[in-house]
Amino acid sequence: MIISLPYIIKWCKEHDENVKKRLPVLYTHGICHLIGYDHEDDEGYEMMNKKEQEILKKFWDWKKRCDGSENESESESESDDENERD
């Protein structure tokens, strides 16, 4: 899986997004595709979104423990934007 960091940085600047919060969402989305999830129809979208939320919650919980912080709780709303169908 390849994620173009220069493209992500540019996109985040254009959409007033935080790269450090957006990158895990994109990475998780890509991993879900690699393990067979897709969002071609409503059922697939719901299943993929649910799996992304599970993964991101674990990631943000882990990150909080590593950082020793408790204010990184925006993970759930972050992946909603990514999951919109093209």
N, C-alpha and C. Protein backbone atom coordinates (compact mmCIF):
# COMPACT_ATOMS: atom_id res chain seq x y z
N MET A 1 0.85 -1.17 0.00
CA MET A 1 0.00 0.00 0.00
C MET A 1 0.90 1.23 0.00
N ILE A 2 0.57 2.18 -0.83
CA ILE A 2 1.35 3.41 -0.93
C ILE A 2 0.44 4.59 -0.60
N ILE A 3 0.91 5.44 0.29
CA ILE A 3 0.20 6.68 0.62
C ILE A 3 1.17 7.81 0.33
N SER A 4 0.78 8.73 -0.52
CA SER A 4 1.63 9.86 -0.89
C SER A 4 1.55 10.95 0.18
N LEU A 5 2.58 11.03 1.00
CA LEU A 5 2.59 12.02 2.07
C LEU A 5 2.52 13.46 1.54
N PRO A 6 3.25 13.81 0.45
CA PRO A 6 3.11 15.17 -0.07
C PRO A 6 1.67 15.49 -0.48
N TYR A 7 0.98 14.51 -1.10
CA TYR A 7 -0.41 14.72 -1.48
C TYR A 7 -1.29 14.91 -0.25
N ILE A 8 -1.07 14.09 0.78
CA ILE A 8 -1.87 14.17 2.01
C ILE A 8 -1.65 15.52 2.69
N ILE A 9 -0.41 15.97 2.75
CA ILE A 9 -0.11 17.27 3.36
C ILE A 9 -0.83 18.38 2.60
N LYS A 10 -0.76 18.34 1.27
CA LYS A 10 -1.44 19.35 0.45
C LYS A 10 -2.95 19.30 0.67
N TRP A 11 -3.53 18.09 0.65
CA TRP A 11 -4.97 17.93 0.85
C TRP A 11 -5.39 18.47 2.21
N CYS A 12 -4.62 18.15 3.24
CA CYS A 12 -4.95 18.60 4.59
C CYS A 12 -4.90 20.12 4.70
N LYS A 13 -3.93 20.74 4.04
CA LYS A 13 -3.86 22.20 4.05
C LYS A 13 -5.09 22.80 3.37
N GLU A 14 -5.49 22.22 2.24
CA GLU A 14 -6.65 22.72 1.50
C GLU A 14 -7.96 22.53 2.26
N HIS A 15 -8.03 21.51 3.11
CA HIS A 15 -9.27 21.18 3.83
C HIS A 15 -9.18 21.46 5.32
N ASP A 16 -8.15 22.19 5.72
CA ASP A 16 -7.94 22.57 7.12
C ASP A 16 -8.03 21.34 8.04
N GLU A 17 -7.32 20.29 7.66
CA GLU A 17 -7.27 19.04 8.43
C GLU A 17 -5.89 18.88 9.04
N ASN A 18 -5.80 18.11 10.11
CA ASN A 18 -4.55 17.81 10.77
C ASN A 18 -3.97 16.53 10.18
N VAL A 19 -2.75 16.61 9.63
CA VAL A 19 -2.13 15.46 8.98
C VAL A 19 -1.97 14.30 9.96
N LYS A 20 -1.57 14.59 11.19
CA LYS A 20 -1.35 13.53 12.17
C LYS A 20 -2.64 12.80 12.54
N LYS A 21 -3.76 13.44 12.37
CA LYS A 21 -5.05 12.79 12.64
C LYS A 21 -5.61 12.13 11.38
N ARG A 22 -5.31 12.70 10.22
CA ARG A 22 -5.85 12.19 8.96
C ARG A 22 -5.12 10.94 8.48
N LEU A 23 -3.81 10.90 8.67
CA LEU A 23 -3.02 9.79 8.16
C LEU A 23 -3.45 8.43 8.72
N PRO A 24 -3.69 8.30 10.03
CA PRO A 24 -4.17 7.00 10.52
C PRO A 24 -5.52 6.59 9.91
N VAL A 25 -6.36 7.56 9.62
CA VAL A 25 -7.66 7.26 9.00
C VAL A 25 -7.45 6.70 7.60
N LEU A 26 -6.58 7.34 6.83
CA LEU A 26 -6.31 6.87 5.46
C LEU A 26 -5.62 5.50 5.48
N TYR A 27 -4.68 5.33 6.37
CA TYR A 27 -3.97 4.06 6.49
C TYR A 27 -4.96 2.94 6.84
N THR A 28 -5.84 3.20 7.79
CA THR A 28 -6.84 2.22 8.19
C THR A 28 -7.78 1.90 7.04
N HIS A 29 -8.18 2.91 6.29
CA HIS A 29 -9.05 2.71 5.14
C HIS A 29 -8.38 1.79 4.12
N GLY A 30 -7.11 2.06 3.84
CA GLY A 30 -6.36 1.23 2.90
C GLY A 30 -6.21 -0.20 3.38
N ILE A 31 -5.90 -0.37 4.66
CA ILE A 31 -5.77 -1.72 5.22
C ILE A 31 -7.09 -2.48 5.10
N CYS A 32 -8.20 -1.80 5.36
CA CYS A 32 -9.51 -2.45 5.22
C CYS A 32 -9.73 -2.93 3.79
N HIS A 33 -9.33 -2.13 2.80
CA HIS A 33 -9.44 -2.57 1.41
C HIS A 33 -8.56 -3.80 1.18
N LEU A 34 -7.34 -3.79 1.71
CA LEU A 34 -6.42 -4.90 1.49
C LEU A 34 -6.91 -6.21 2.11
N ILE A 35 -7.68 -6.13 3.17
CA ILE A 35 -8.18 -7.36 3.80
C ILE A 35 -9.58 -7.74 3.31
N GLY A 36 -10.04 -7.05 2.25
CA GLY A 36 -11.26 -7.48 1.58
C GLY A 36 -12.49 -6.63 1.75
N TYR A 37 -12.43 -5.57 2.52
CA TYR A 37 -13.59 -4.70 2.69
C TYR A 37 -13.70 -3.75 1.50
N ASP A 38 -14.93 -3.36 1.20
CA ASP A 38 -15.16 -2.39 0.13
C ASP A 38 -16.40 -1.59 0.46
N HIS A 39 -16.61 -0.51 -0.28
CA HIS A 39 -17.76 0.35 -0.02
C HIS A 39 -18.51 0.65 -1.31
N GLU A 40 -18.63 -0.39 -2.14
CA GLU A 40 -19.34 -0.25 -3.41
C GLU A 40 -20.86 -0.16 -3.23
N ASP A 41 -21.38 -0.75 -2.18
CA ASP A 41 -22.82 -0.68 -1.92
C ASP A 41 -23.04 -0.33 -0.44
N ASP A 42 -24.28 -0.10 -0.07
CA ASP A 42 -24.59 0.32 1.30
C ASP A 42 -24.15 -0.70 2.34
N GLU A 43 -24.37 -1.98 2.05
CA GLU A 43 -23.98 -3.02 3.01
C GLU A 43 -22.46 -3.05 3.21
N GLY A 44 -21.73 -2.99 2.11
CA GLY A 44 -20.27 -2.98 2.19
C GLY A 44 -19.75 -1.74 2.89
N TYR A 45 -20.40 -0.61 2.61
CA TYR A 45 -20.01 0.65 3.26
C TYR A 45 -20.17 0.54 4.77
N GLU A 46 -21.31 0.02 5.21
CA GLU A 46 -21.57 -0.12 6.64
C GLU A 46 -20.57 -1.06 7.31
N MET A 47 -20.29 -2.19 6.66
CA MET A 47 -19.34 -3.15 7.23
C MET A 47 -17.94 -2.56 7.31
N MET A 48 -17.53 -1.87 6.23
CA MET A 48 -16.19 -1.28 6.21
C MET A 48 -16.07 -0.17 7.23
N ASN A 49 -17.08 0.66 7.31
CA ASN A 49 -17.06 1.76 8.27
C ASN A 49 -16.98 1.23 9.71
N LYS A 50 -17.72 0.18 9.99
CA LYS A 50 -17.69 -0.42 11.33
C LYS A 50 -16.29 -0.95 11.65
N LYS A 51 -15.67 -1.64 10.70
CA LYS A 51 -14.32 -2.18 10.91
C LYS A 51 -13.31 -1.04 11.10
N GLU A 52 -13.43 0.02 10.30
CA GLU A 52 -12.53 1.17 10.45
C GLU A 52 -12.67 1.78 11.84
N GLN A 53 -13.90 1.93 12.30
CA GLN A 53 -14.13 2.51 13.62
C GLN A 53 -13.50 1.65 14.71
N GLU A 54 -13.65 0.33 14.59
CA GLU A 54 -13.04 -0.59 15.57
C GLU A 54 -11.52 -0.41 15.61
N ILE A 55 -10.91 -0.40 14.44
CA ILE A 55 -9.45 -0.28 14.35
C ILE A 55 -9.00 1.07 14.88
N LEU A 56 -9.67 2.14 14.46
CA LEU A 56 -9.26 3.48 14.88
C LEU A 56 -9.45 3.69 16.37
N LYS A 57 -10.51 3.14 16.94
CA LYS A 57 -10.70 3.27 18.39
C LYS A 57 -9.53 2.63 19.13
N LYS A 58 -9.14 1.44 18.70
CA LYS A 58 -8.00 0.77 19.33
C LYS A 58 -6.72 1.59 19.15
N PHE A 59 -6.54 2.14 17.95
CA PHE A 59 -5.35 2.95 17.70
C PHE A 59 -5.32 4.18 18.59
N TRP A 60 -6.43 4.93 18.63
CA TRP A 60 -6.44 6.17 19.43
C TRP A 60 -6.31 5.86 20.92
N ASP A 61 -6.92 4.76 21.38
CA ASP A 61 -6.75 4.36 22.78
C ASP A 61 -5.29 4.04 23.08
N TRP A 62 -4.66 3.30 22.17
CA TRP A 62 -3.24 2.96 22.32
C TRP A 62 -2.38 4.22 22.31
N LYS A 63 -2.68 5.13 21.37
CA LYS A 63 -1.91 6.37 21.26
C LYS A 63 -2.02 7.20 22.54
N LYS A 64 -3.22 7.27 23.11
CA LYS A 64 -3.41 8.01 24.37
C LYS A 64 -2.54 7.42 25.47
N ARG A 65 -2.51 6.09 25.55
CA ARG A 65 -1.68 5.45 26.58
C ARG A 65 -0.20 5.76 26.35
N CYS A 66 0.23 5.73 25.10
CA CYS A 66 1.64 6.01 24.79
C CYS A 66 1.99 7.47 25.07
N ASP A 67 1.08 8.37 24.71
CA ASP A 67 1.31 9.81 24.90
C ASP A 67 1.08 10.25 26.34
N GLY A 68 0.30 9.46 27.06
CA GLY A 68 -0.09 9.86 28.41
C GLY A 68 -1.12 10.97 28.40
N SER A 69 -1.83 11.11 27.25
CA SER A 69 -2.84 12.17 27.14
C SER A 69 -4.22 11.56 27.02
N GLU A 70 -5.22 12.38 27.30
CA GLU A 70 -6.61 11.94 27.22
C GLU A 70 -7.43 12.79 26.26
N ASN A 71 -6.81 13.66 25.45
CA ASN A 71 -7.61 14.55 24.60
C ASN A 71 -7.48 14.23 23.11
N GLU A 72 -7.32 13.02 22.73
CA GLU A 72 -7.23 12.64 21.33
C GLU A 72 -8.47 11.87 20.89
N SER A 73 -9.64 12.29 21.28
CA SER A 73 -10.85 11.49 21.07
C SER A 73 -11.59 11.80 19.79
N GLU A 74 -10.96 12.38 18.78
CA GLU A 74 -11.65 12.73 17.56
C GLU A 74 -11.65 11.61 16.54
N SER A 75 -11.21 10.42 16.89
CA SER A 75 -11.05 9.34 15.92
C SER A 75 -12.36 8.94 15.26
N GLU A 76 -13.46 8.92 15.98
CA GLU A 76 -14.70 8.44 15.41
C GLU A 76 -15.20 9.34 14.29
N SER A 77 -15.10 10.65 14.46
CA SER A 77 -15.58 11.55 13.42
C SER A 77 -14.60 11.64 12.27
N GLU A 78 -13.34 11.33 12.48
CA GLU A 78 -12.33 11.44 11.45
C GLU A 78 -12.59 10.50 10.28
N SER A 79 -12.98 9.26 10.53
CA SER A 79 -13.11 8.32 9.44
C SER A 79 -14.43 8.46 8.69
N ASP A 80 -15.39 9.17 9.22
CA ASP A 80 -16.66 9.38 8.52
C ASP A 80 -16.42 10.06 7.18
N ASP A 81 -15.55 11.08 7.15
CA ASP A 81 -15.27 11.80 5.92
C ASP A 81 -14.61 10.89 4.89
N GLU A 82 -13.69 10.06 5.32
CA GLU A 82 -12.96 9.18 4.41
C GLU A 82 -13.87 8.16 3.76
N ASN A 83 -14.91 7.74 4.45
CA ASN A 83 -15.73 6.65 3.96
C ASN A 83 -16.80 7.08 2.96
N GLU A 84 -16.87 8.34 2.62
CA GLU A 84 -17.84 8.76 1.63
C GLU A 84 -17.48 8.14 0.29
N ARG A 85 -18.48 7.63 -0.39
CA ARG A 85 -18.22 6.98 -1.68
C ARG A 85 -17.87 8.00 -2.74
N ASP A 86 -16.97 7.61 -3.65
CA ASP A 86 -16.56 8.49 -4.77
C ASP A 86 -17.67 8.67 -5.75
